[in-house]
Amino acid sequence: MATADEAARTQLDDGIPVVVASDKDGLAAAGVCGKALKRPFHLVIPDHVATIGDCAFKDCSGLTSVAIPKGVTTIGERAFEDCHGLATVTIPEGVTTIGKSAFSSCSGLASVTIPEGVTTIGNAAFNGCSGLVSVTIPEGVNTIGHAAFYGCSGLASVTIPEGVTTIGDYAFHGCSGRA
């Protein structure tokens, strides 16, 4: 895991630091951010990571983008909760579960593409993502959890395939399409 000082020495063309985060067991390191990384940074999760653990990057308000590798199958509960600066995330094919509150309160998140292979969008997974404008839910998803997109006030377009068998209470409550 790169420290903030090491990350500051690794930058993309935009001058924002890049943090590479993982532990030896292939789980994205929990507690990386907390209140520590408030300045903008990009997150790169290494290819060997299979699971992004619960609360792994919770409260990383400086996080602007994350690259999740193809080997990840699960995005844990509250993994990116309260990452207000998160604007872009690419969820790769291979992810089957987006955990409870995984991206909750990521108010800067503008769009998300959920890949083929995801079967479950957990309770409150994108709750409070007020900047979210559109969502495409692919074939194969069978469950959209309780309050999954609750409070996504900017959400104007949602595509739900025929295979969805369960849409939880309040799943799209407050999605007025008017941020």
C-alpha atoms as a PDB file:
ATOM      1  CA  MET A   1       0.000   0.000   0.000  1.00  0.00           C
ATOM      2  CA  ALA A   2       1.395   3.337  -1.013  1.00  0.00           C
ATOM      3  CA  THR A   3       1.546   6.033   1.605  1.00  0.00           C
ATOM      4  CA  ALA A   4       0.186   9.469   0.757  1.00  0.00           C
ATOM      5  CA  ASP A   5       3.780  10.674   0.233  1.00  0.00           C
ATOM      6  CA  GLU A   6       4.574   7.784  -2.137  1.00  0.00           C
ATOM      7  CA  ALA A   7       1.298   8.341  -3.982  1.00  0.00           C
ATOM      8  CA  ALA A   8       2.131  12.013  -4.464  1.00  0.00           C
ATOM      9  CA  ARG A   9       5.186  10.920  -6.457  1.00  0.00           C
ATOM     10  CA  THR A  10       3.030   8.840  -8.823  1.00  0.00           C
ATOM     11  CA  GLN A  11       0.739  10.999 -10.925  1.00  0.00           C
ATOM     12  CA  LEU A  12      -1.332  10.795 -14.058  1.00  0.00           C
ATOM     13  CA  ASP A  13      -1.177  13.481 -16.724  1.00  0.00           C
ATOM     14  CA  ASP A  14      -3.633  15.602 -14.756  1.00  0.00           C
ATOM     15  CA  GLY A  15      -1.203  15.845 -11.842  1.00  0.00           C
ATOM     16  CA  ILE A  16      -3.540  14.043  -9.434  1.00  0.00           C
ATOM     17  CA  PRO A  17      -1.769  11.354  -7.381  1.00  0.00           C
ATOM     18  CA  VAL A  18      -2.347   7.657  -8.017  1.00  0.00           C
ATOM     19  CA  VAL A  19      -2.658   5.271  -5.077  1.00  0.00           C
ATOM     20  CA  VAL A  20      -2.182   1.542  -5.641  1.00  0.00           C
ATOM     21  CA  ALA A  21      -3.907  -0.351  -2.874  1.00  0.00           C
ATOM     22  CA  SER A  22      -3.922  -4.023  -1.912  1.00  0.00           C
ATOM     23  CA  ASP A  23      -2.763  -6.380   0.761  1.00  0.00           C
ATOM     24  CA  LYS A  24      -0.851  -9.633   0.436  1.00  0.00           C
ATOM     25  CA  ASP A  25      -4.035 -11.742   0.464  1.00  0.00           C
ATOM     26  CA  GLY A  26      -5.528 -10.117  -2.605  1.00  0.00           C
ATOM     27  CA  LEU A  27      -8.182  -8.147  -0.748  1.00  0.00           C
ATOM     28  CA  ALA A  28      -8.246  -4.423  -1.287  1.00  0.00           C
ATOM     29  CA  ALA A  29      -6.896  -2.981   1.927  1.00  0.00           C
ATOM     30  CA  ALA A  30      -9.562  -1.870   4.371  1.00  0.00           C
ATOM     31  CA  GLY A  31      -9.220   1.465   6.083  1.00  0.00           C
ATOM     32  CA  VAL A  32      -6.916   2.919   3.447  1.00  0.00           C
ATOM     33  CA  CYS A  33      -8.550   6.296   3.462  1.00  0.00           C
ATOM     34  CA  GLY A  34     -10.731   7.102   6.383  1.00  0.00           C
ATOM     35  CA  LYS A  35     -10.144  10.779   6.921  1.00  0.00           C
ATOM     36  CA  ALA A  36      -6.516  10.637   5.730  1.00  0.00           C
ATOM     37  CA  LEU A  37      -6.741  11.174   1.970  1.00  0.00           C
ATOM     38  CA  LYS A  38      -8.804  14.305   1.437  1.00  0.00           C
ATOM     39  CA  ARG A  39      -6.821  15.662  -1.514  1.00  0.00           C
ATOM     40  CA  PRO A  40      -7.826  14.370  -4.969  1.00  0.00           C
ATOM     41  CA  PHE A  41      -6.352  11.020  -6.021  1.00  0.00           C
ATOM     42  CA  HIS A  42      -6.985   8.190  -8.494  1.00  0.00           C
ATOM     43  CA  LEU A  43      -7.135   4.631  -7.196  1.00  0.00           C
ATOM     44  CA  VAL A  44      -5.698   1.653  -9.040  1.00  0.00           C
ATOM     45  CA  ILE A  45      -6.484  -1.754  -7.603  1.00  0.00           C
ATOM     46  CA  PRO A  46      -3.937  -4.366  -8.737  1.00  0.00           C
ATOM     47  CA  ASP A  47      -4.882  -7.264 -11.010  1.00  0.00           C
ATOM     48  CA  HIS A  48      -4.437  -9.946  -8.312  1.00  0.00           C
ATOM     49  CA  VAL A  49      -7.252  -8.518  -6.131  1.00  0.00           C
ATOM     50  CA  ALA A  50     -10.401 -10.703  -6.155  1.00  0.00           C
ATOM     51  CA  THR A  51     -12.570  -8.988  -3.518  1.00  0.00           C
ATOM     52  CA  ILE A  52     -12.931  -5.386  -2.491  1.00  0.00           C
ATOM     53  CA  GLY A  53     -13.642  -5.752   1.207  1.00  0.00           C
ATOM     54  CA  ASP A  54     -16.327  -4.158   3.334  1.00  0.00           C
ATOM     55  CA  CYS A  55     -15.633  -0.455   4.020  1.00  0.00           C
ATOM     56  CA  ALA A  56     -12.326  -0.760   2.130  1.00  0.00           C
ATOM     57  CA  PHE A  57     -12.336   2.788   0.780  1.00  0.00           C
ATOM     58  CA  LYS A  58     -15.159   4.291   2.835  1.00  0.00           C
ATOM     59  CA  ASP A  59     -14.855   8.050   3.449  1.00  0.00           C
ATOM     60  CA  CYS A  60     -12.175   8.613   0.793  1.00  0.00           C
ATOM     61  CA  SER A  61     -13.536  12.029  -0.092  1.00  0.00           C
ATOM     62  CA  GLY A  62     -10.556  12.802  -2.333  1.00  0.00           C
ATOM     63  CA  LEU A  63     -11.056   9.707  -4.483  1.00  0.00           C
ATOM     64  CA  THR A  64     -11.927  10.878  -8.016  1.00  0.00           C
ATOM     65  CA  SER A  65     -11.737   7.658 -10.020  1.00  0.00           C
ATOM     66  CA  VAL A  66     -11.112   3.974  -9.462  1.00  0.00           C
ATOM     67  CA  ALA A  67      -9.887   1.263 -11.802  1.00  0.00           C
ATOM     68  CA  ILE A  68     -11.251  -2.097 -10.697  1.00  0.00           C
ATOM     69  CA  PRO A  69      -9.482  -5.061 -12.334  1.00  0.00           C
ATOM     70  CA  LYS A  70     -11.244  -7.871 -14.192  1.00  0.00           C
ATOM     71  CA  GLY A  71     -10.416 -10.432 -11.489  1.00  0.00           C
ATOM     72  CA  VAL A  72     -12.675  -8.775  -8.904  1.00  0.00           C
ATOM     73  CA  THR A  73     -15.881 -10.744  -8.296  1.00  0.00           C
ATOM     74  CA  THR A  74     -17.326  -8.941  -5.272  1.00  0.00           C
ATOM     75  CA  ILE A  75     -17.552  -5.313  -4.263  1.00  0.00           C
ATOM     76  CA  GLY A  76     -18.151  -5.471  -0.521  1.00  0.00           C
ATOM     77  CA  GLU A  77     -20.583  -3.644   1.706  1.00  0.00           C
ATOM     78  CA  ARG A  78     -19.874   0.079   1.992  1.00  0.00           C
ATOM     79  CA  ALA A  79     -16.684  -0.392  -0.043  1.00  0.00           C
ATOM     80  CA  PHE A  80     -16.814   3.128  -1.510  1.00  0.00           C
ATOM     81  CA  GLU A  81     -19.472   4.713   0.713  1.00  0.00           C
ATOM     82  CA  ASP A  82     -19.157   8.485   1.214  1.00  0.00           C
ATOM     83  CA  CYS A  83     -16.565   8.935  -1.538  1.00  0.00           C
ATOM     84  CA  HIS A  84     -18.142  12.251  -2.512  1.00  0.00           C
ATOM     85  CA  GLY A  85     -15.476  13.102  -5.101  1.00  0.00           C
ATOM     86  CA  LEU A  86     -15.817   9.808  -6.983  1.00  0.00           C
ATOM     87  CA  ALA A  87     -16.897  10.776 -10.504  1.00  0.00           C
ATOM     88  CA  THR A  88     -16.051   7.689 -12.528  1.00  0.00           C
ATOM     89  CA  VAL A  89     -15.929   4.004 -11.795  1.00  0.00           C
ATOM     90  CA  THR A  90     -15.684   1.140 -14.209  1.00  0.00           C
ATOM     91  CA  ILE A  91     -17.145  -2.077 -12.875  1.00  0.00           C
ATOM     92  CA  PRO A  92     -15.588  -4.895 -14.917  1.00  0.00           C
ATOM     93  CA  GLU A  93     -17.138  -8.081 -16.210  1.00  0.00           C
ATOM     94  CA  GLY A  94     -16.629 -10.789 -13.629  1.00  0.00           C
ATOM     95  CA  VAL A  95     -18.197  -8.855 -10.763  1.00  0.00           C
ATOM     96  CA  THR A  96     -21.259 -10.796  -9.622  1.00  0.00           C
ATOM     97  CA  THR A  97     -22.240  -8.881  -6.500  1.00  0.00           C
ATOM     98  CA  ILE A  98     -22.395  -5.183  -5.719  1.00  0.00           C
ATOM     99  CA  GLY A  99     -22.731  -5.160  -1.950  1.00  0.00           C
ATOM    100  CA  LYS A 100     -25.012  -3.267   0.385  1.00  0.00           C
ATOM    101  CA  SER A 101     -24.283   0.496   0.279  1.00  0.00           C
ATOM    102  CA  ALA A 102     -21.214  -0.158  -1.901  1.00  0.00           C
ATOM    103  CA  PHE A 103     -21.391   3.275  -3.549  1.00  0.00           C
ATOM    104  CA  SER A 104     -23.838   4.931  -1.168  1.00  0.00           C
ATOM    105  CA  SER A 105     -23.549   8.728  -0.927  1.00  0.00           C
ATOM    106  CA  CYS A 106     -21.102   9.033  -3.823  1.00  0.00           C
ATOM    107  CA  SER A 107     -22.782  12.291  -4.808  1.00  0.00           C
ATOM    108  CA  GLY A 108     -20.266  13.049  -7.588  1.00  0.00           C
ATOM    109  CA  LEU A 109     -20.888   9.784  -9.454  1.00  0.00           C
ATOM    110  CA  ALA A 110     -22.499  10.731 -12.791  1.00  0.00           C
ATOM    111  CA  SER A 111     -22.994   7.393 -14.527  1.00  0.00           C
ATOM    112  CA  VAL A 112     -22.360   3.745 -13.942  1.00  0.00           C
ATOM    113  CA  THR A 113     -22.444   0.801 -16.274  1.00  0.00           C
ATOM    114  CA  ILE A 114     -23.221  -2.428 -14.539  1.00  0.00           C
ATOM    115  CA  PRO A 115     -21.638  -5.287 -16.489  1.00  0.00           C
ATOM    116  CA  GLU A 116     -23.050  -8.597 -17.635  1.00  0.00           C
ATOM    117  CA  GLY A 117     -22.533 -11.156 -14.887  1.00  0.00           C
ATOM    118  CA  VAL A 118     -23.791  -9.062 -11.983  1.00  0.00           C
ATOM    119  CA  THR A 119     -26.708 -10.916 -10.423  1.00  0.00           C
ATOM    120  CA  THR A 120     -27.322  -8.804  -7.320  1.00  0.00           C
ATOM    121  CA  ILE A 121     -27.364  -5.077  -6.718  1.00  0.00           C
ATOM    122  CA  GLY A 122     -27.394  -4.858  -2.931  1.00  0.00           C
ATOM    123  CA  ASN A 123     -29.613  -2.826  -0.649  1.00  0.00           C
ATOM    124  CA  ALA A 124     -28.800   0.896  -0.892  1.00  0.00           C
ATOM    125  CA  ALA A 125     -25.912   0.127  -3.290  1.00  0.00           C
ATOM    126  CA  PHE A 126     -26.180   3.541  -4.973  1.00  0.00           C
ATOM    127  CA  ASN A 127     -28.328   5.277  -2.351  1.00  0.00           C
ATOM    128  CA  GLY A 128     -27.839   9.041  -2.345  1.00  0.00           C
ATOM    129  CA  CYS A 129     -25.820   9.232  -5.562  1.00  0.00           C
ATOM    130  CA  SER A 130     -27.507  12.511  -6.462  1.00  0.00           C
ATOM    131  CA  GLY A 131     -25.253  13.117  -9.480  1.00  0.00           C
ATOM    132  CA  LEU A 132     -26.184   9.812 -11.110  1.00  0.00           C
ATOM    133  CA  VAL A 133     -28.020  10.529 -14.371  1.00  0.00           C
ATOM    134  CA  SER A 134     -28.358   7.149 -16.072  1.00  0.00           C
ATOM    135  CA  VAL A 135     -28.073   3.478 -15.233  1.00  0.00           C
ATOM    136  CA  THR A 136     -28.178   0.452 -17.483  1.00  0.00           C
ATOM    137  CA  ILE A 137     -28.907  -2.782 -15.680  1.00  0.00           C
ATOM    138  CA  PRO A 138     -27.864  -5.783 -17.772  1.00  0.00           C
ATOM    139  CA  GLU A 139     -29.512  -9.114 -18.439  1.00  0.00           C
ATOM    140  CA  GLY A 140     -28.588 -11.514 -15.645  1.00  0.00           C
ATOM    141  CA  VAL A 141     -29.394  -9.187 -12.756  1.00  0.00           C
ATOM    142  CA  ASN A 142     -32.219 -10.809 -10.846  1.00  0.00           C
ATOM    143  CA  THR A 143     -32.291  -8.692  -7.678  1.00  0.00           C
ATOM    144  CA  ILE A 144     -32.292  -4.943  -7.190  1.00  0.00           C
ATOM    145  CA  GLY A 145     -32.156  -4.436  -3.446  1.00  0.00           C
ATOM    146  CA  HIS A 146     -34.165  -2.279  -1.075  1.00  0.00           C
ATOM    147  CA  ALA A 147     -33.407   1.437  -1.674  1.00  0.00           C
ATOM    148  CA  ALA A 148     -30.716   0.503  -4.219  1.00  0.00           C
ATOM    149  CA  PHE A 149     -31.052   3.844  -6.019  1.00  0.00           C
ATOM    150  CA  TYR A 150     -32.978   5.728  -3.325  1.00  0.00           C
ATOM    151  CA  GLY A 151     -32.379   9.475  -3.419  1.00  0.00           C
ATOM    152  CA  CYS A 152     -30.654   9.500  -6.797  1.00  0.00           C
ATOM    153  CA  SER A 153     -32.366  12.799  -7.571  1.00  0.00           C
ATOM    154  CA  GLY A 154     -30.601  13.267 -10.915  1.00  0.00           C
ATOM    155  CA  LEU A 155     -31.507   9.828 -12.234  1.00  0.00           C
ATOM    156  CA  ALA A 156     -33.521  10.363 -15.400  1.00  0.00           C
ATOM    157  CA  SER A 157     -32.927   7.098 -17.266  1.00  0.00           C
ATOM    158  CA  VAL A 158     -33.019   3.503 -16.024  1.00  0.00           C
ATOM    159  CA  THR A 159     -33.124   0.378 -18.143  1.00  0.00           C
ATOM    160  CA  ILE A 160     -34.356  -2.738 -16.332  1.00  0.00           C
ATOM    161  CA  PRO A 161     -34.229  -6.046 -18.210  1.00  0.00           C
ATOM    162  CA  GLU A 162     -36.978  -8.663 -18.204  1.00  0.00           C
ATOM    163  CA  GLY A 163     -34.947 -11.094 -16.062  1.00  0.00           C
ATOM    164  CA  VAL A 164     -35.168  -8.970 -12.912  1.00  0.00           C
ATOM    165  CA  THR A 165     -37.417 -10.882 -10.515  1.00  0.00           C
ATOM    166  CA  THR A 166     -37.098  -8.738  -7.391  1.00  0.00           C
ATOM    167  CA  ILE A 167     -37.095  -4.983  -7.008  1.00  0.00           C
ATOM    168  CA  GLY A 168     -36.891  -4.036  -3.347  1.00  0.00           C
ATOM    169  CA  ASP A 169     -38.985  -1.454  -1.523  1.00  0.00           C
ATOM    170  CA  TYR A 170     -38.015   2.143  -2.298  1.00  0.00           C
ATOM    171  CA  ALA A 171     -35.488   0.940  -4.891  1.00  0.00           C
ATOM    172  CA  PHE A 172     -35.965   4.052  -7.031  1.00  0.00           C
ATOM    173  CA  HIS A 173     -37.635   6.378  -4.508  1.00  0.00           C
ATOM    174  CA  GLY A 174     -36.730  10.029  -5.043  1.00  0.00           C
ATOM    175  CA  CYS A 175     -35.377   9.525  -8.564  1.00  0.00           C
ATOM    176  CA  SER A 176     -36.953  12.627 -10.020  1.00  0.00           C
ATOM    177  CA  GLY A 177     -34.463  13.238 -12.825  1.00  0.00           C
ATOM    178  CA  ARG A 178     -34.042  16.760 -11.489  1.00  0.00           C
ATOM    179  CA  ALA A 179     -30.834  17.130  -9.529  1.00  0.00           C
END
